Amino acid sequence: METVNIHQATTDLSRLLSRVALGEEIIIANQGIPIAKLVPFRTSSNRRSSLGQDRGKFIVPEDFNDPLPTEILAAFEGNEE
């Protein structure tokens, strides 16, 4: 991964973007301190969707929204007995 300074990035932006489009990542730095990273843009059609991957692996219990037991509630509030 190459690091370029801001001046170099503004001067060579088209060339840097061409490299990024091919998959390279480039760091832009200000006085040697990294401030941004140019990375390839990928649309959601190129990514594997993660929604629904765990469907059926976890079942929400019937008592999910019930109030907590008093001893657990006391521990959350710092009133452990």
N, C-alpha and C. Protein backbone atom coordinates (compact mmCIF):
# COMPACT_ATOMS: atom_id res chain seq x y z
N MET A 1 0.86 -1.17 0.00
CA MET A 1 0.00 0.00 0.00
C MET A 1 0.91 1.23 0.00
N GLU A 2 0.73 2.06 -0.98
CA GLU A 2 1.56 3.26 -1.12
C GLU A 2 0.97 4.42 -0.32
N THR A 3 1.85 5.27 0.20
CA THR A 3 1.42 6.49 0.88
C THR A 3 1.88 7.69 0.07
N VAL A 4 0.97 8.62 -0.18
CA VAL A 4 1.31 9.84 -0.91
C VAL A 4 0.92 11.05 -0.08
N ASN A 5 1.61 12.18 -0.29
CA ASN A 5 1.22 13.39 0.44
C ASN A 5 0.08 14.09 -0.30
N ILE A 6 -0.51 15.07 0.35
CA ILE A 6 -1.69 15.75 -0.21
C ILE A 6 -1.38 16.39 -1.55
N HIS A 7 -0.25 17.06 -1.67
CA HIS A 7 0.13 17.72 -2.92
C HIS A 7 0.23 16.70 -4.05
N GLN A 8 0.88 15.58 -3.78
CA GLN A 8 1.02 14.53 -4.79
C GLN A 8 -0.35 13.95 -5.15
N ALA A 9 -1.22 13.81 -4.16
CA ALA A 9 -2.55 13.26 -4.42
C ALA A 9 -3.36 14.19 -5.32
N THR A 10 -3.30 15.50 -5.06
CA THR A 10 -4.07 16.43 -5.89
C THR A 10 -3.48 16.53 -7.29
N THR A 11 -2.17 16.47 -7.39
CA THR A 11 -1.51 16.57 -8.69
C THR A 11 -1.78 15.34 -9.55
N ASP A 12 -1.77 14.16 -8.93
CA ASP A 12 -1.87 12.90 -9.66
C ASP A 12 -3.18 12.15 -9.39
N LEU A 13 -4.24 12.87 -9.06
CA LEU A 13 -5.48 12.22 -8.65
C LEU A 13 -5.99 11.23 -9.71
N SER A 14 -6.01 11.61 -10.97
CA SER A 14 -6.51 10.71 -12.01
C SER A 14 -5.70 9.43 -12.07
N ARG A 15 -4.39 9.54 -12.00
CA ARG A 15 -3.52 8.35 -12.04
C ARG A 15 -3.77 7.48 -10.81
N LEU A 16 -3.90 8.10 -9.64
CA LEU A 16 -4.14 7.35 -8.41
C LEU A 16 -5.49 6.64 -8.47
N LEU A 17 -6.51 7.32 -8.99
CA LEU A 17 -7.83 6.70 -9.10
C LEU A 17 -7.83 5.53 -10.07
N SER A 18 -7.04 5.62 -11.11
CA SER A 18 -6.92 4.50 -12.05
C SER A 18 -6.33 3.28 -11.35
N ARG A 19 -5.33 3.51 -10.50
CA ARG A 19 -4.72 2.41 -9.75
C ARG A 19 -5.71 1.82 -8.75
N VAL A 20 -6.48 2.70 -8.10
CA VAL A 20 -7.47 2.24 -7.12
C VAL A 20 -8.54 1.41 -7.82
N ALA A 21 -8.95 1.82 -9.00
CA ALA A 21 -9.96 1.07 -9.75
C ALA A 21 -9.51 -0.35 -10.06
N LEU A 22 -8.21 -0.56 -10.11
CA LEU A 22 -7.66 -1.89 -10.37
C LEU A 22 -7.51 -2.71 -9.09
N GLY A 23 -7.89 -2.11 -7.94
CA GLY A 23 -7.87 -2.86 -6.69
C GLY A 23 -6.85 -2.40 -5.67
N GLU A 24 -5.99 -1.47 -6.03
CA GLU A 24 -4.96 -1.00 -5.10
C GLU A 24 -5.57 -0.04 -4.08
N GLU A 25 -5.00 0.00 -2.89
CA GLU A 25 -5.40 0.96 -1.86
C GLU A 25 -4.25 1.94 -1.65
N ILE A 26 -4.57 3.22 -1.51
CA ILE A 26 -3.55 4.27 -1.39
C ILE A 26 -3.88 5.15 -0.19
N ILE A 27 -2.87 5.40 0.63
CA ILE A 27 -3.02 6.26 1.80
C ILE A 27 -2.62 7.68 1.42
N ILE A 28 -3.41 8.67 1.85
CA ILE A 28 -3.07 10.07 1.67
C ILE A 28 -2.67 10.61 3.04
N ALA A 29 -1.49 11.23 3.09
CA ALA A 29 -0.95 11.69 4.38
C ALA A 29 -0.71 13.19 4.35
N ASN A 30 -0.77 13.80 5.52
CA ASN A 30 -0.46 15.21 5.71
C ASN A 30 0.72 15.29 6.66
N GLN A 31 1.87 15.69 6.16
CA GLN A 31 3.10 15.76 6.94
C GLN A 31 3.43 14.42 7.57
N GLY A 32 3.24 13.36 6.79
CA GLY A 32 3.57 12.01 7.24
C GLY A 32 2.50 11.34 8.09
N ILE A 33 1.41 12.05 8.41
CA ILE A 33 0.34 11.48 9.23
C ILE A 33 -0.80 11.07 8.31
N PRO A 34 -1.15 9.77 8.28
CA PRO A 34 -2.23 9.32 7.40
C PRO A 34 -3.55 10.00 7.76
N ILE A 35 -4.26 10.50 6.73
CA ILE A 35 -5.54 11.16 6.98
C ILE A 35 -6.69 10.54 6.18
N ALA A 36 -6.36 9.80 5.12
CA ALA A 36 -7.42 9.19 4.31
C ALA A 36 -6.86 7.99 3.56
N LYS A 37 -7.78 7.13 3.13
CA LYS A 37 -7.38 5.98 2.33
C LYS A 37 -8.29 5.91 1.11
N LEU A 38 -7.68 5.83 -0.07
CA LEU A 38 -8.44 5.61 -1.29
C LEU A 38 -8.59 4.11 -1.47
N VAL A 39 -9.83 3.65 -1.57
CA VAL A 39 -10.09 2.22 -1.74
C VAL A 39 -11.08 2.05 -2.88
N PRO A 40 -11.08 0.90 -3.53
CA PRO A 40 -12.04 0.68 -4.62
C PRO A 40 -13.47 0.70 -4.10
N PHE A 41 -14.36 1.27 -4.88
CA PHE A 41 -15.77 1.30 -4.54
C PHE A 41 -16.41 0.03 -5.06
N ARG A 42 -17.12 -0.65 -4.19
CA ARG A 42 -17.81 -1.87 -4.60
C ARG A 42 -19.29 -1.70 -4.33
N THR A 43 -20.10 -1.95 -5.33
CA THR A 43 -21.55 -1.84 -5.14
C THR A 43 -22.03 -3.06 -4.37
N SER A 44 -23.23 -2.96 -3.82
CA SER A 44 -23.76 -4.05 -3.02
C SER A 44 -23.94 -5.31 -3.86
N SER A 45 -24.06 -5.19 -5.17
CA SER A 45 -24.21 -6.38 -6.00
C SER A 45 -22.91 -7.17 -6.07
N ASN A 46 -21.78 -6.52 -5.75
CA ASN A 46 -20.50 -7.21 -5.75
C ASN A 46 -20.20 -7.84 -4.39
N ARG A 47 -20.96 -7.48 -3.37
CA ARG A 47 -20.75 -8.02 -2.02
C ARG A 47 -21.76 -9.10 -1.74
N ARG A 48 -21.34 -10.01 -0.93
CA ARG A 48 -22.28 -11.03 -0.47
C ARG A 48 -23.12 -10.42 0.64
N SER A 49 -24.40 -10.47 0.48
CA SER A 49 -25.30 -9.88 1.46
C SER A 49 -25.23 -10.66 2.75
N SER A 50 -25.15 -9.96 3.86
CA SER A 50 -25.08 -10.63 5.15
C SER A 50 -26.43 -10.69 5.85
N LEU A 51 -27.43 -10.03 5.31
CA LEU A 51 -28.74 -10.05 5.95
C LEU A 51 -29.36 -11.42 5.84
N GLY A 52 -29.83 -11.91 6.96
CA GLY A 52 -30.53 -13.19 6.98
C GLY A 52 -29.64 -14.41 7.07
N GLN A 53 -28.34 -14.23 7.20
CA GLN A 53 -27.44 -15.37 7.26
C GLN A 53 -27.68 -16.25 8.48
N ASP A 54 -28.14 -15.67 9.58
CA ASP A 54 -28.34 -16.43 10.81
C ASP A 54 -29.79 -16.80 11.04
N ARG A 55 -30.61 -16.66 10.04
CA ARG A 55 -32.03 -16.99 10.18
C ARG A 55 -32.18 -18.44 10.65
N GLY A 56 -32.96 -18.61 11.71
CA GLY A 56 -33.21 -19.93 12.24
C GLY A 56 -32.18 -20.42 13.23
N LYS A 57 -31.07 -19.69 13.41
CA LYS A 57 -30.03 -20.10 14.35
C LYS A 57 -30.29 -19.57 15.75
N PHE A 58 -31.16 -18.60 15.87
CA PHE A 58 -31.47 -18.02 17.17
C PHE A 58 -32.97 -17.77 17.23
N ILE A 59 -33.55 -18.15 18.33
CA ILE A 59 -34.98 -17.94 18.52
C ILE A 59 -35.17 -17.00 19.70
N VAL A 60 -35.91 -15.94 19.49
CA VAL A 60 -36.16 -14.97 20.56
C VAL A 60 -37.13 -15.61 21.55
N PRO A 61 -36.72 -15.69 22.83
CA PRO A 61 -37.60 -16.31 23.82
C PRO A 61 -38.87 -15.50 24.04
N GLU A 62 -39.91 -16.18 24.45
CA GLU A 62 -41.20 -15.53 24.71
C GLU A 62 -41.09 -14.42 25.76
N ASP A 63 -40.20 -14.59 26.75
CA ASP A 63 -40.08 -13.62 27.83
C ASP A 63 -39.04 -12.53 27.54
N PHE A 64 -38.67 -12.36 26.28
CA PHE A 64 -37.61 -11.41 25.91
C PHE A 64 -37.88 -9.99 26.43
N ASN A 65 -39.10 -9.52 26.34
CA ASN A 65 -39.44 -8.16 26.75
C ASN A 65 -39.92 -8.05 28.20
N ASP A 66 -39.90 -9.15 28.92
CA ASP A 66 -40.33 -9.12 30.32
C ASP A 66 -39.31 -8.32 31.15
N PRO A 67 -39.75 -7.74 32.28
CA PRO A 67 -38.82 -7.02 33.15
C PRO A 67 -37.73 -7.97 33.67
N LEU A 68 -36.54 -7.41 33.92
CA LEU A 68 -35.43 -8.21 34.45
C LEU A 68 -35.72 -8.63 35.88
N PRO A 69 -35.18 -9.77 36.32
CA PRO A 69 -35.29 -10.14 37.72
C PRO A 69 -34.63 -9.07 38.59
N THR A 70 -35.13 -8.90 39.80
CA THR A 70 -34.66 -7.81 40.67
C THR A 70 -33.17 -7.89 40.94
N GLU A 71 -32.59 -9.09 41.10
CA GLU A 71 -31.16 -9.19 41.40
C GLU A 71 -30.30 -8.75 40.21
N ILE A 72 -30.75 -9.04 39.00
CA ILE A 72 -30.01 -8.60 37.82
C ILE A 72 -30.17 -7.10 37.63
N LEU A 73 -31.36 -6.59 37.80
CA LEU A 73 -31.61 -5.16 37.69
C LEU A 73 -30.78 -4.39 38.71
N ALA A 74 -30.69 -4.90 39.93
CA ALA A 74 -29.89 -4.26 40.99
C ALA A 74 -28.41 -4.24 40.60
N ALA A 75 -27.92 -5.31 39.99
CA ALA A 75 -26.51 -5.35 39.56
C ALA A 75 -26.25 -4.32 38.47
N PHE A 76 -27.18 -4.14 37.55
CA PHE A 76 -27.01 -3.12 36.50
C PHE A 76 -26.99 -1.72 37.10
N GLU A 77 -27.78 -1.52 38.12
CA GLU A 77 -27.87 -0.20 38.74
C GLU A 77 -26.81 0.03 39.81
N GLY A 78 -25.98 -0.97 40.05
CA GLY A 78 -24.91 -0.83 41.03
C GLY A 78 -25.39 -0.99 42.46
N ASN A 79 -26.54 -1.61 42.65
CA ASN A 79 -27.11 -1.81 43.98
C ASN A 79 -27.04 -3.26 44.40
N GLU A 80 -25.91 -3.92 44.10
CA GLU A 80 -25.81 -5.34 44.44
C GLU A 80 -25.89 -5.52 45.93
N GLU A 81 -26.61 -6.54 46.32
CA GLU A 81 -26.81 -6.78 47.75
C GLU A 81 -25.90 -7.84 48.26
